[in-house]
Amino acid sequence: MADQDIRSPEKERQILDGAAAAFAQDGYEGASMSHIAAIAGVSKGTLYNYFAGKKELFSAFMSRECTAHLMLVLDGFDGAAPARATLTRIGRRVIDMLTSESGLLIHRMVVAEARKFPDLAQAYHDAGPRRAMSRMTVLIEQMTQSGQLSVSDPAFAAEQLFALLMAGPITRLRTGLVDGTGEADIDRVVQEAVNLFLRGYGSDRCREAG
């Protein structure tokens, strides 16, 4: 029987769900393929039929999570719409993504394992941050074309915006220094990040609208 007859999206989702639970429990290095198969409720043979090894499995898990989050965070925005409202909505969604259970899990695992497994850090960057930066760069270009922003280097501006969203309470949460962040803290981070960004890059038209 051909591989395409054996493999199914449902089974792959089942395996990735099991992998997520195993990685959350044991970390990347501690999660064995045997344990992942047991949690997923499949045989090791089935697991290896879908993924050649743990690195490929972790990369697929990250790609699935990042794709799902990025669709929620950055899709559906128009660079011609009011910049302040758009950036505020995006900022809130970015923080919600980064501080979600899966977002925190992936970030902490990658940071913990990056020195020993540098390929994981690259896979994470390609699946998440690089794609987010690319989409944000396009939006900033559109906002510049619509006359709301004055940006000569949209890619660098996108990096600066995301950096502003990593202010104190968000960084402390992602590094495990605190267990949670209040709504008021998140609102303040987003509002001040957008204010600073528009102070530096907003056109006169945008500042007047704000």
C-alpha atoms as a PDB file:
ATOM      1  CA  MET A   1       0.000   0.000   0.000  1.00  0.00           C
ATOM      2  CA  ALA A   2       1.403   3.412  -0.958  1.00  0.00           C
ATOM      3  CA  ASP A   3       2.317   5.952   1.721  1.00  0.00           C
ATOM      4  CA  GLN A   4      -0.398   8.321   0.554  1.00  0.00           C
ATOM      5  CA  ASP A   5      -2.948   5.582   1.220  1.00  0.00           C
ATOM      6  CA  ILE A   6      -1.649   4.999   4.756  1.00  0.00           C
ATOM      7  CA  ARG A   7      -1.155   8.596   5.867  1.00  0.00           C
ATOM      8  CA  SER A   8      -4.100  10.755   6.848  1.00  0.00           C
ATOM      9  CA  PRO A   9      -4.479  14.344   8.094  1.00  0.00           C
ATOM     10  CA  GLU A  10      -6.432  13.066  11.095  1.00  0.00           C
ATOM     11  CA  LYS A  11      -3.652  10.709  12.152  1.00  0.00           C
ATOM     12  CA  GLU A  12      -1.029  13.408  11.671  1.00  0.00           C
ATOM     13  CA  ARG A  13      -3.054  15.770  13.852  1.00  0.00           C
ATOM     14  CA  GLN A  14      -3.329  13.028  16.482  1.00  0.00           C
ATOM     15  CA  ILE A  15       0.441  12.568  16.470  1.00  0.00           C
ATOM     16  CA  LEU A  16       1.131  16.305  16.680  1.00  0.00           C
ATOM     17  CA  ASP A  17      -1.304  16.637  19.582  1.00  0.00           C
ATOM     18  CA  GLY A  18       0.540  13.847  21.366  1.00  0.00           C
ATOM     19  CA  ALA A  19       3.881  15.472  20.612  1.00  0.00           C
ATOM     20  CA  ALA A  20       2.647  18.766  22.067  1.00  0.00           C
ATOM     21  CA  ALA A  21       1.717  17.016  25.310  1.00  0.00           C
ATOM     22  CA  ALA A  22       5.044  15.161  25.462  1.00  0.00           C
ATOM     23  CA  PHE A  23       7.114  18.268  24.776  1.00  0.00           C
ATOM     24  CA  ALA A  24       5.180  20.214  27.402  1.00  0.00           C
ATOM     25  CA  GLN A  25       5.813  17.461  29.941  1.00  0.00           C
ATOM     26  CA  ASP A  26       9.428  16.524  29.185  1.00  0.00           C
ATOM     27  CA  GLY A  27      10.915  19.268  27.019  1.00  0.00           C
ATOM     28  CA  TYR A  28      12.505  18.588  23.670  1.00  0.00           C
ATOM     29  CA  GLU A  29      15.468  16.527  24.783  1.00  0.00           C
ATOM     30  CA  GLY A  30      13.514  14.574  27.394  1.00  0.00           C
ATOM     31  CA  ALA A  31      10.639  13.592  25.092  1.00  0.00           C
ATOM     32  CA  SER A  32      11.442  10.251  23.460  1.00  0.00           C
ATOM     33  CA  MET A  33       9.778   9.024  20.300  1.00  0.00           C
ATOM     34  CA  SER A  34       8.489   6.039  22.262  1.00  0.00           C
ATOM     35  CA  HIS A  35       6.818   8.299  24.807  1.00  0.00           C
ATOM     36  CA  ILE A  36       5.379  10.520  22.088  1.00  0.00           C
ATOM     37  CA  ALA A  37       3.927   7.471  20.331  1.00  0.00           C
ATOM     38  CA  ALA A  38       2.382   6.263  23.596  1.00  0.00           C
ATOM     39  CA  ILE A  39       0.793   9.632  24.378  1.00  0.00           C
ATOM     40  CA  ALA A  40      -0.471   9.961  20.810  1.00  0.00           C
ATOM     41  CA  GLY A  41      -1.918   6.462  20.935  1.00  0.00           C
ATOM     42  CA  VAL A  42      -0.038   5.171  17.882  1.00  0.00           C
ATOM     43  CA  SER A  43       2.670   2.601  17.311  1.00  0.00           C
ATOM     44  CA  LYS A  44       6.291   3.641  16.848  1.00  0.00           C
ATOM     45  CA  GLY A  45       6.063   2.296  13.320  1.00  0.00           C
ATOM     46  CA  THR A  46       3.164   4.615  12.559  1.00  0.00           C
ATOM     47  CA  LEU A  47       4.998   7.533  14.167  1.00  0.00           C
ATOM     48  CA  TYR A  48       8.084   6.964  12.009  1.00  0.00           C
ATOM     49  CA  ASN A  49       5.898   6.576   8.947  1.00  0.00           C
ATOM     50  CA  TYR A  50       4.846  10.182   9.426  1.00  0.00           C
ATOM     51  CA  PHE A  51       8.066  11.700  10.790  1.00  0.00           C
ATOM     52  CA  ALA A  52      11.643  10.568  10.226  1.00  0.00           C
ATOM     53  CA  GLY A  53      12.761  11.681  13.685  1.00  0.00           C
ATOM     54  CA  LYS A  54      12.119  13.929  16.645  1.00  0.00           C
ATOM     55  CA  LYS A  55      13.603  17.001  14.971  1.00  0.00           C
ATOM     56  CA  GLU A  56      11.220  16.670  12.028  1.00  0.00           C
ATOM     57  CA  LEU A  57       8.327  16.082  14.411  1.00  0.00           C
ATOM     58  CA  PHE A  58       9.162  19.135  16.504  1.00  0.00           C
ATOM     59  CA  SER A  59       9.529  21.267  13.379  1.00  0.00           C
ATOM     60  CA  ALA A  60       6.112  20.121  12.155  1.00  0.00           C
ATOM     61  CA  PHE A  61       4.604  20.860  15.566  1.00  0.00           C
ATOM     62  CA  MET A  62       6.103  24.362  15.581  1.00  0.00           C
ATOM     63  CA  SER A  63       5.013  25.014  12.010  1.00  0.00           C
ATOM     64  CA  ARG A  64       1.443  23.983  12.796  1.00  0.00           C
ATOM     65  CA  GLU A  65       1.239  26.163  15.893  1.00  0.00           C
ATOM     66  CA  CYS A  66       2.901  29.178  14.290  1.00  0.00           C
ATOM     67  CA  THR A  67       0.729  28.959  11.174  1.00  0.00           C
ATOM     68  CA  ALA A  68      -2.457  28.791  13.222  1.00  0.00           C
ATOM     69  CA  HIS A  69      -1.431  31.743  15.388  1.00  0.00           C
ATOM     70  CA  LEU A  70      -0.174  33.886  12.510  1.00  0.00           C
ATOM     71  CA  MET A  71      -3.454  33.462  10.655  1.00  0.00           C
ATOM     72  CA  LEU A  72      -5.257  34.839  13.700  1.00  0.00           C
ATOM     73  CA  VAL A  73      -2.754  37.619  14.324  1.00  0.00           C
ATOM     74  CA  LEU A  74      -1.917  39.144  10.953  1.00  0.00           C
ATOM     75  CA  ASP A  75      -4.478  38.013   8.382  1.00  0.00           C
ATOM     76  CA  GLY A  76      -7.313  40.268   7.293  1.00  0.00           C
ATOM     77  CA  PHE A  77      -5.639  43.640   7.845  1.00  0.00           C
ATOM     78  CA  ASP A  78      -5.584  46.427   5.265  1.00  0.00           C
ATOM     79  CA  GLY A  79      -2.728  48.899   5.177  1.00  0.00           C
ATOM     80  CA  ALA A  80      -5.125  51.609   4.031  1.00  0.00           C
ATOM     81  CA  ALA A  81      -7.236  51.322   7.203  1.00  0.00           C
ATOM     82  CA  PRO A  82      -6.508  53.717  10.117  1.00  0.00           C
ATOM     83  CA  ALA A  83      -2.985  52.923  11.280  1.00  0.00           C
ATOM     84  CA  ARG A  84      -3.453  53.442  15.010  1.00  0.00           C
ATOM     85  CA  ALA A  85      -6.448  51.121  15.240  1.00  0.00           C
ATOM     86  CA  THR A  86      -4.772  48.509  13.043  1.00  0.00           C
ATOM     87  CA  LEU A  87      -1.500  48.531  14.972  1.00  0.00           C
ATOM     88  CA  THR A  88      -3.345  48.387  18.288  1.00  0.00           C
ATOM     89  CA  ARG A  89      -5.329  45.326  17.225  1.00  0.00           C
ATOM     90  CA  ILE A  90      -2.223  43.641  15.860  1.00  0.00           C
ATOM     91  CA  GLY A  91      -0.258  44.449  19.011  1.00  0.00           C
ATOM     92  CA  ARG A  92      -2.882  42.877  21.219  1.00  0.00           C
ATOM     93  CA  ARG A  93      -3.056  39.789  19.038  1.00  0.00           C
ATOM     94  CA  VAL A  94       0.736  39.450  18.994  1.00  0.00           C
ATOM     95  CA  ILE A  95       0.900  39.519  22.785  1.00  0.00           C
ATOM     96  CA  ASP A  96      -1.979  37.063  23.074  1.00  0.00           C
ATOM     97  CA  MET A  97      -0.101  34.734  20.721  1.00  0.00           C
ATOM     98  CA  LEU A  98       3.236  35.037  22.495  1.00  0.00           C
ATOM     99  CA  THR A  99       1.745  34.525  25.942  1.00  0.00           C
ATOM    100  CA  SER A 100      -0.587  31.662  24.973  1.00  0.00           C
ATOM    101  CA  GLU A 101       0.128  28.229  26.389  1.00  0.00           C
ATOM    102  CA  SER A 102       1.609  26.919  23.148  1.00  0.00           C
ATOM    103  CA  GLY A 103       3.466  30.181  22.476  1.00  0.00           C
ATOM    104  CA  LEU A 104       5.163  30.077  25.876  1.00  0.00           C
ATOM    105  CA  LEU A 105       5.905  26.364  25.543  1.00  0.00           C
ATOM    106  CA  ILE A 106       7.633  26.714  22.183  1.00  0.00           C
ATOM    107  CA  HIS A 107       9.603  29.821  23.178  1.00  0.00           C
ATOM    108  CA  ARG A 108      10.906  28.313  26.405  1.00  0.00           C
ATOM    109  CA  MET A 109      11.856  25.022  24.763  1.00  0.00           C
ATOM    110  CA  VAL A 110      13.706  26.722  21.934  1.00  0.00           C
ATOM    111  CA  VAL A 111      15.610  28.977  24.343  1.00  0.00           C
ATOM    112  CA  ALA A 112      16.471  26.033  26.594  1.00  0.00           C
ATOM    113  CA  GLU A 113      17.650  23.790  23.757  1.00  0.00           C
ATOM    114  CA  ALA A 114      19.118  26.314  21.289  1.00  0.00           C
ATOM    115  CA  ARG A 115      22.762  25.810  22.273  1.00  0.00           C
ATOM    116  CA  LYS A 116      22.578  22.041  22.015  1.00  0.00           C
ATOM    117  CA  PHE A 117      20.145  21.930  19.096  1.00  0.00           C
ATOM    118  CA  PRO A 118      20.698  25.078  16.991  1.00  0.00           C
ATOM    119  CA  ASP A 119      18.557  23.700  14.166  1.00  0.00           C
ATOM    120  CA  LEU A 120      15.526  24.026  16.426  1.00  0.00           C
ATOM    121  CA  ALA A 121      16.102  27.755  16.857  1.00  0.00           C
ATOM    122  CA  GLN A 122      16.390  28.182  13.088  1.00  0.00           C
ATOM    123  CA  ALA A 123      13.240  26.136  12.485  1.00  0.00           C
ATOM    124  CA  TYR A 124      11.370  28.242  15.045  1.00  0.00           C
ATOM    125  CA  HIS A 125      12.591  31.472  13.491  1.00  0.00           C
ATOM    126  CA  ASP A 126      11.568  30.344   9.999  1.00  0.00           C
ATOM    127  CA  ALA A 127       8.133  29.095  11.099  1.00  0.00           C
ATOM    128  CA  GLY A 128       7.212  32.033  13.320  1.00  0.00           C
ATOM    129  CA  PRO A 129       9.182  35.285  13.690  1.00  0.00           C
ATOM    130  CA  ARG A 130      10.455  35.445  10.094  1.00  0.00           C
ATOM    131  CA  ARG A 131       6.966  34.976   8.648  1.00  0.00           C
ATOM    132  CA  ALA A 132       5.469  37.464  11.096  1.00  0.00           C
ATOM    133  CA  MET A 133       8.120  40.052  10.229  1.00  0.00           C
ATOM    134  CA  SER A 134       7.529  39.514   6.521  1.00  0.00           C
ATOM    135  CA  ARG A 135       3.780  40.049   6.841  1.00  0.00           C
ATOM    136  CA  MET A 136       4.230  43.076   9.113  1.00  0.00           C
ATOM    137  CA  THR A 137       6.724  44.557   6.663  1.00  0.00           C
ATOM    138  CA  VAL A 138       4.109  44.392   3.905  1.00  0.00           C
ATOM    139  CA  LEU A 139       1.528  46.113   6.107  1.00  0.00           C
ATOM    140  CA  ILE A 140       3.966  48.898   6.998  1.00  0.00           C
ATOM    141  CA  GLU A 141       4.755  49.367   3.307  1.00  0.00           C
ATOM    142  CA  GLN A 142       1.024  49.678   2.605  1.00  0.00           C
ATOM    143  CA  MET A 143       0.581  52.175   5.448  1.00  0.00           C
ATOM    144  CA  THR A 144       3.458  54.195   4.012  1.00  0.00           C
ATOM    145  CA  GLN A 145       1.921  54.111   0.543  1.00  0.00           C
ATOM    146  CA  SER A 146      -1.406  55.277   1.994  1.00  0.00           C
ATOM    147  CA  GLY A 147       0.347  58.285   3.536  1.00  0.00           C
ATOM    148  CA  GLN A 148      -0.136  57.284   7.176  1.00  0.00           C
ATOM    149  CA  LEU A 149       3.472  56.346   7.906  1.00  0.00           C
ATOM    150  CA  SER A 150       6.824  57.697   6.788  1.00  0.00           C
ATOM    151  CA  VAL A 151       9.130  54.683   6.758  1.00  0.00           C
ATOM    152  CA  SER A 152      12.282  54.243   4.672  1.00  0.00           C
ATOM    153  CA  ASP A 153      13.063  50.714   5.923  1.00  0.00           C
ATOM    154  CA  PRO A 154       9.787  48.808   6.551  1.00  0.00           C
ATOM    155  CA  ALA A 155      11.541  45.585   7.567  1.00  0.00           C
ATOM    156  CA  PHE A 156      13.529  47.347  10.282  1.00  0.00           C
ATOM    157  CA  ALA A 157      10.435  49.224  11.431  1.00  0.00           C
ATOM    158  CA  ALA A 158       8.580  45.907  11.757  1.00  0.00           C
ATOM    159  CA  GLU A 159      11.353  44.589  14.005  1.00  0.00           C
ATOM    160  CA  GLN A 160      11.174  47.721  16.129  1.00  0.00           C
ATOM    161  CA  LEU A 161       7.407  47.412  16.560  1.00  0.00           C
ATOM    162  CA  PHE A 162       7.658  43.808  17.735  1.00  0.00           C
ATOM    163  CA  ALA A 163      10.498  44.767  20.067  1.00  0.00           C
ATOM    164  CA  LEU A 164       8.334  47.480  21.647  1.00  0.00           C
ATOM    165  CA  LEU A 165       5.654  44.867  22.327  1.00  0.00           C
ATOM    166  CA  MET A 166       8.178  42.880  24.388  1.00  0.00           C
ATOM    167  CA  ALA A 167       8.168  45.470  27.185  1.00  0.00           C
ATOM    168  CA  GLY A 168       8.739  44.511  30.835  1.00  0.00           C
ATOM    169  CA  PRO A 169       5.724  42.433  31.883  1.00  0.00           C
ATOM    170  CA  ILE A 170       5.652  40.448  28.630  1.00  0.00           C
ATOM    171  CA  THR A 171       9.362  39.598  28.812  1.00  0.00           C
ATOM    172  CA  ARG A 172       9.010  38.594  32.465  1.00  0.00           C
ATOM    173  CA  LEU A 173       6.125  36.293  31.615  1.00  0.00           C
ATOM    174  CA  ARG A 174       7.939  34.662  28.690  1.00  0.00           C
ATOM    175  CA  THR A 175      11.026  34.002  30.798  1.00  0.00           C
ATOM    176  CA  GLY A 176       8.995  32.494  33.631  1.00  0.00           C
ATOM    177  CA  LEU A 177       9.610  35.253  36.173  1.00  0.00           C
ATOM    178  CA  VAL A 178       5.853  35.722  36.645  1.00  0.00           C
ATOM    179  CA  ASP A 179       2.924  33.343  36.184  1.00  0.00           C
ATOM    180  CA  GLY A 180       0.583  35.723  34.414  1.00  0.00           C
ATOM    181  CA  THR A 181       0.013  39.243  33.183  1.00  0.00           C
ATOM    182  CA  GLY A 182      -3.069  41.350  33.860  1.00  0.00           C
ATOM    183  CA  GLU A 183      -5.264  42.874  31.176  1.00  0.00           C
ATOM    184  CA  ALA A 184      -4.330  46.376  32.303  1.00  0.00           C
ATOM    185  CA  ASP A 185      -0.621  45.599  31.917  1.00  0.00           C
ATOM    186  CA  ILE A 186      -1.155  44.218  28.418  1.00  0.00           C
ATOM    187  CA  ASP A 187      -3.271  47.184  27.377  1.00  0.00           C
ATOM    188  CA  ARG A 188      -0.606  49.572  28.613  1.00  0.00           C
ATOM    189  CA  VAL A 189       2.171  47.743  26.757  1.00  0.00           C
ATOM    190  CA  VAL A 190       0.204  47.809  23.496  1.00  0.00           C
ATOM    191  CA  GLN A 191      -0.884  51.426  23.836  1.00  0.00           C
ATOM    192  CA  GLU A 192       2.594  52.734  24.649  1.00  0.00           C
ATOM    193  CA  ALA A 193       4.204  50.591  21.924  1.00  0.00           C
ATOM    194  CA  VAL A 194       1.849  52.018  19.312  1.00  0.00           C
ATOM    195  CA  ASN A 195       2.309  55.565  20.665  1.00  0.00           C
ATOM    196  CA  LEU A 196       6.090  55.314  20.424  1.00  0.00           C
ATOM    197  CA  PHE A 197       5.974  53.698  16.994  1.00  0.00           C
ATOM    198  CA  LEU A 198       3.701  56.405  15.576  1.00  0.00           C
ATOM    199  CA  ARG A 199       5.731  59.121  17.257  1.00  0.00           C
ATOM    200  CA  GLY A 200       8.711  57.930  15.266  1.00  0.00           C
ATOM    201  CA  TYR A 201       7.095  56.822  12.020  1.00  0.00           C
ATOM    202  CA  GLY A 202       3.642  58.409  11.843  1.00  0.00           C
ATOM    203  CA  SER A 203       3.014  61.047   9.210  1.00  0.00           C
ATOM    204  CA  ASP A 204       1.429  64.364  10.124  1.00  0.00           C
ATOM    205  CA  ARG A 205      -1.866  62.978   8.820  1.00  0.00           C
ATOM    206  CA  CYS A 206      -1.641  59.990  11.142  1.00  0.00           C
ATOM    207  CA  ARG A 207      -0.731  62.080  14.189  1.00  0.00           C
ATOM    208  CA  GLU A 208      -3.649  64.403  13.551  1.00  0.00           C
ATOM    209  CA  ALA A 209      -5.990  61.390  13.282  1.00  0.00           C
ATOM    210  CA  GLY A 210      -4.691  60.022  16.598  1.00  0.00           C
END
